[in-house]
Protein backbone atom coordinates (compact mmCIF):
# COMPACT_ATOMS: atom_id res chain seq x y z
CA MET A 1 37.18 50.22 -41.59
CA THR A 2 35.13 48.48 -44.25
CA THR A 3 31.79 49.48 -45.69
CA PRO A 4 28.76 47.17 -45.57
CA GLU A 5 29.18 46.65 -49.33
CA GLN A 6 32.81 45.57 -48.84
CA ASP A 7 31.74 43.21 -46.05
CA THR A 8 29.20 41.64 -48.39
CA TYR A 9 31.76 41.21 -51.18
CA GLY A 10 34.25 39.80 -48.69
CA ARG A 11 31.75 37.15 -47.58
CA LEU A 12 30.84 36.34 -51.20
CA LEU A 13 34.50 35.96 -52.18
CA ALA A 14 35.16 33.77 -49.13
CA ALA A 15 32.23 31.55 -50.13
CA LEU A 16 33.74 31.09 -53.61
CA ARG A 17 37.13 30.00 -52.22
CA PRO A 18 36.47 26.23 -51.87
CA GLY A 19 35.26 25.91 -55.47
CA LEU A 20 38.16 27.99 -56.77
CA LEU A 21 40.58 25.83 -54.83
CA ARG A 22 39.12 22.62 -56.30
CA PHE A 23 39.37 24.12 -59.75
CA ALA A 24 43.02 25.15 -59.22
CA ARG A 25 44.00 21.79 -57.68
CA ILE A 26 42.69 19.87 -60.69
CA GLN A 27 44.86 21.93 -62.98
CA LEU A 28 47.99 22.40 -60.94
CA ARG A 29 48.12 19.10 -59.02
CA ASP A 30 50.11 20.90 -56.36
CA PRO A 31 48.07 21.96 -53.33
CA ALA A 32 50.55 24.68 -52.32
CA GLN A 33 50.58 26.23 -55.80
CA ALA A 34 46.80 25.99 -56.01
CA GLU A 35 46.47 27.73 -52.65
CA ASP A 36 48.84 30.51 -53.72
CA ILE A 37 47.05 31.12 -57.02
CA VAL A 38 43.63 31.16 -55.36
CA GLN A 39 44.92 33.69 -52.81
CA GLU A 40 46.30 35.83 -55.66
CA THR A 41 42.95 35.52 -57.44
CA LEU A 42 40.94 36.61 -54.42
CA ALA A 43 43.32 39.51 -53.77
CA ALA A 44 43.04 40.58 -57.42
CA ALA A 45 39.24 40.31 -57.31
CA TRP A 46 39.13 42.37 -54.11
CA GLY A 47 41.41 44.98 -55.66
CA LYS A 48 39.29 45.17 -58.81
CA LEU A 49 35.85 45.26 -57.17
CA GLY A 50 35.34 48.69 -58.67
CA GLN A 51 35.59 47.10 -62.14
CA PHE A 52 33.01 44.41 -61.37
CA ARG A 53 29.75 45.01 -63.21
CA GLU A 54 26.67 43.87 -61.33
CA GLU A 55 25.04 42.38 -64.45
CA ALA A 56 27.79 39.75 -64.55
CA ASP A 57 27.85 36.80 -62.16
CA LEU A 58 30.49 37.26 -59.44
CA LYS A 59 31.49 33.58 -59.59
CA THR A 60 32.00 33.75 -63.37
CA TRP A 61 34.04 36.94 -63.03
CA VAL A 62 36.29 35.57 -60.28
CA THR A 63 36.69 32.22 -62.09
CA ALA A 64 37.85 34.12 -65.19
CA ILE A 65 40.48 35.85 -63.05
CA LEU A 66 41.58 32.44 -61.72
CA LYS A 67 41.81 30.97 -65.23
CA ASN A 68 44.02 33.87 -66.27
CA LYS A 69 46.22 33.43 -63.19
CA ILE A 70 46.63 29.72 -63.97
CA ALA A 71 47.41 30.44 -67.62
CA ASP A 72 49.96 33.07 -66.50
CA HIS A 73 51.50 30.47 -64.18
CA PHE A 74 52.00 28.09 -67.08
CA ARG A 75 53.29 30.85 -69.33
CA SER A 76 55.74 32.07 -66.69
CA GLY A 77 58.50 29.87 -68.01
CA ARG A 78 58.36 27.18 -65.35
CA ARG A 79 58.49 24.31 -67.77
CA THR A 80 57.93 20.72 -66.74
CA ALA A 81 59.70 18.10 -68.80
CA VAL A 82 57.55 15.08 -69.55
CA SER A 83 59.36 11.77 -69.30
CA LEU A 84 58.91 9.78 -72.49
CA ASP A 85 59.09 6.57 -70.45
CA SER A 86 56.17 7.67 -68.28
CA LEU A 87 54.19 8.68 -71.37
CA ARG A 88 54.98 5.35 -73.00
CA GLU A 89 53.70 3.44 -69.95
CA GLU A 90 50.48 5.43 -69.65
CA ASN A 91 49.93 5.23 -73.40
CA GLU A 92 50.38 1.46 -73.44
CA ALA A 93 47.73 1.13 -70.73
CA ALA A 94 45.39 3.44 -72.64
CA ASP A 95 45.99 1.51 -75.88
CA GLN A 96 45.18 -1.78 -74.17
CA ALA A 97 41.89 -0.40 -72.85
CA TRP A 98 41.12 1.14 -76.25
CA HIS A 99 41.57 -2.18 -78.09
CA THR A 100 38.84 -3.76 -75.98
CA CYS A 101 36.31 -1.42 -77.63
CA PHE A 102 36.59 -2.81 -81.18
CA ASP A 103 36.16 -6.11 -82.98
CA ALA A 104 38.70 -7.55 -85.43
CA GLY A 105 37.13 -5.50 -88.25
CA GLY A 106 37.63 -2.24 -86.37
CA HIS A 107 33.95 -1.73 -85.53
CA TRP A 108 32.61 -0.79 -82.13
CA LEU A 109 31.73 -3.76 -79.97
CA GLU A 110 28.09 -3.45 -78.98
CA THR A 111 29.05 -3.52 -75.32
CA ALA A 112 31.66 -0.77 -75.79
CA ALA A 113 29.86 1.63 -78.14
CA PRO A 114 29.05 5.00 -76.64
CA ALA A 115 25.53 5.18 -75.29
CA ALA A 116 23.13 7.91 -76.28
CA TRP A 117 23.85 10.74 -73.89
CA ARG A 118 21.61 13.63 -73.04
CA PRO A 119 22.90 17.02 -74.22
CA PRO A 120 25.69 18.38 -71.99
CA GLU A 121 23.62 21.49 -71.31
CA ASP A 122 21.24 19.30 -69.27
CA TYR A 123 24.07 18.54 -66.86
CA ALA A 124 25.75 21.96 -66.79
CA GLU A 125 24.02 23.02 -63.58
CA GLN A 126 24.40 19.76 -61.74
CA GLN A 127 27.20 19.89 -59.20
CA ASP A 128 27.23 16.10 -58.94
CA PHE A 129 28.19 15.85 -62.59
CA PHE A 130 31.11 18.22 -62.12
CA ARG A 131 32.28 16.35 -59.04
CA THR A 132 32.21 13.15 -61.11
CA LEU A 133 34.13 14.88 -63.89
CA GLU A 134 36.69 16.11 -61.34
CA ASN A 135 37.09 12.55 -60.04
CA CYS A 136 37.51 11.23 -63.58
CA LEU A 137 40.12 13.90 -64.32
CA GLY A 138 41.87 12.94 -61.09
CA GLY A 139 42.06 9.35 -62.34
CA LEU A 140 44.03 10.35 -65.44
CA PRO A 141 47.82 10.34 -65.37
CA GLU A 142 48.97 13.73 -64.10
CA ASP A 143 50.42 15.13 -67.33
CA THR A 144 47.54 13.77 -69.40
CA ALA A 145 45.04 15.53 -67.14
CA ARG A 146 47.01 18.77 -67.29
CA ILE A 147 47.26 18.70 -71.08
CA PHE A 148 43.55 17.91 -71.43
CA TYR A 149 42.59 20.62 -68.95
CA LEU A 150 44.77 23.26 -70.61
CA ARG A 151 43.34 22.53 -74.05
CA GLU A 152 39.71 21.66 -73.42
CA ILE A 153 38.86 23.73 -70.36
CA MET A 154 41.34 26.60 -70.42
CA GLY A 155 41.30 26.83 -74.22
CA MET A 156 45.09 27.03 -74.54
CA GLU A 157 46.47 26.55 -78.05
CA VAL A 158 48.16 23.24 -78.87
CA GLU A 159 51.42 24.97 -79.80
CA GLU A 160 51.58 26.62 -76.37
CA ILE A 161 50.88 23.30 -74.63
CA CYS A 162 53.58 21.60 -76.71
CA GLY A 163 56.08 24.27 -75.69
CA ARG A 164 55.10 23.99 -72.04
CA PHE A 165 55.50 20.21 -71.94
CA GLY A 166 58.28 19.85 -74.48
CA ILE A 167 56.26 17.51 -76.70
CA GLY A 168 55.45 17.44 -80.40
CA ARG A 169 52.12 18.43 -81.91
CA ASP A 170 51.24 14.85 -82.95
CA ASN A 171 52.04 13.54 -79.48
CA CYS A 172 49.83 16.24 -77.96
CA TYR A 173 46.90 15.21 -80.16
CA VAL A 174 47.41 11.55 -79.21
CA ILE A 175 47.42 12.46 -75.50
CA LEU A 176 44.25 14.53 -75.96
CA HIS A 177 42.56 11.69 -77.85
CA ARG A 178 43.42 9.19 -75.14
CA ALA A 179 42.32 11.56 -72.39
CA ARG A 180 38.95 12.09 -74.09
CA ASN A 181 38.44 8.34 -74.45
CA SER A 182 39.43 7.67 -70.85
CA LEU A 183 37.07 10.40 -69.64
CA ARG A 184 34.30 9.04 -71.85
CA ARG A 185 34.67 5.59 -70.31
CA CYS A 186 34.88 6.98 -66.78
CA LEU A 187 31.83 9.22 -67.23
CA GLN A 188 29.94 6.38 -68.87
CA LEU A 189 30.52 4.18 -65.83
CA ARG A 190 30.24 6.78 -63.09
CA TRP A 191 27.54 9.05 -64.47
CA PHE A 192 25.64 7.96 -67.56
CA ASP A 193 25.15 4.27 -66.71
CA ILE A 194 23.94 4.97 -63.17
CA GLY A 195 20.25 4.19 -63.01
CA ALA A 196 20.20 2.94 -66.60
């Protein structure tokens, strides 16, 4: 038998599930793994409800548990080898797009220069922005998106990412640079230029 408080927490956790699942799918790119890790997260949150402090936001607390579960998944030793041929192909495409941003002197083309953006804090609470960001991340090559997500969203160290993907430090920085530029272009088209 559950208490009314447990029923309330159960409903709140169930309401968080779709957002947690989206978050996990972006990172893991495997729906079955994402489902498993979200289930583990919800079970861990339920088991630790006594540790939850009311002054914290439940969503933030549960999302932190999910981030730790995802990081543990990547640290668990299940390494994914990255094919150099696939990286070469995706990098050639990114280089081609990148070269269209500069003139012969290496200066930004007026049509390609980044526009003045509002501060990110202005968008932080807008779900539409995050859906657009998710779509842009989904448009990146799989390993590029994973590497970007691990570094920029999960805060994983470059050395750990390099070990996970079997790549060198310089290659990791190149992948991150290209991911940032691709996301910048995608967000410029799908978010910042809309209504401009």
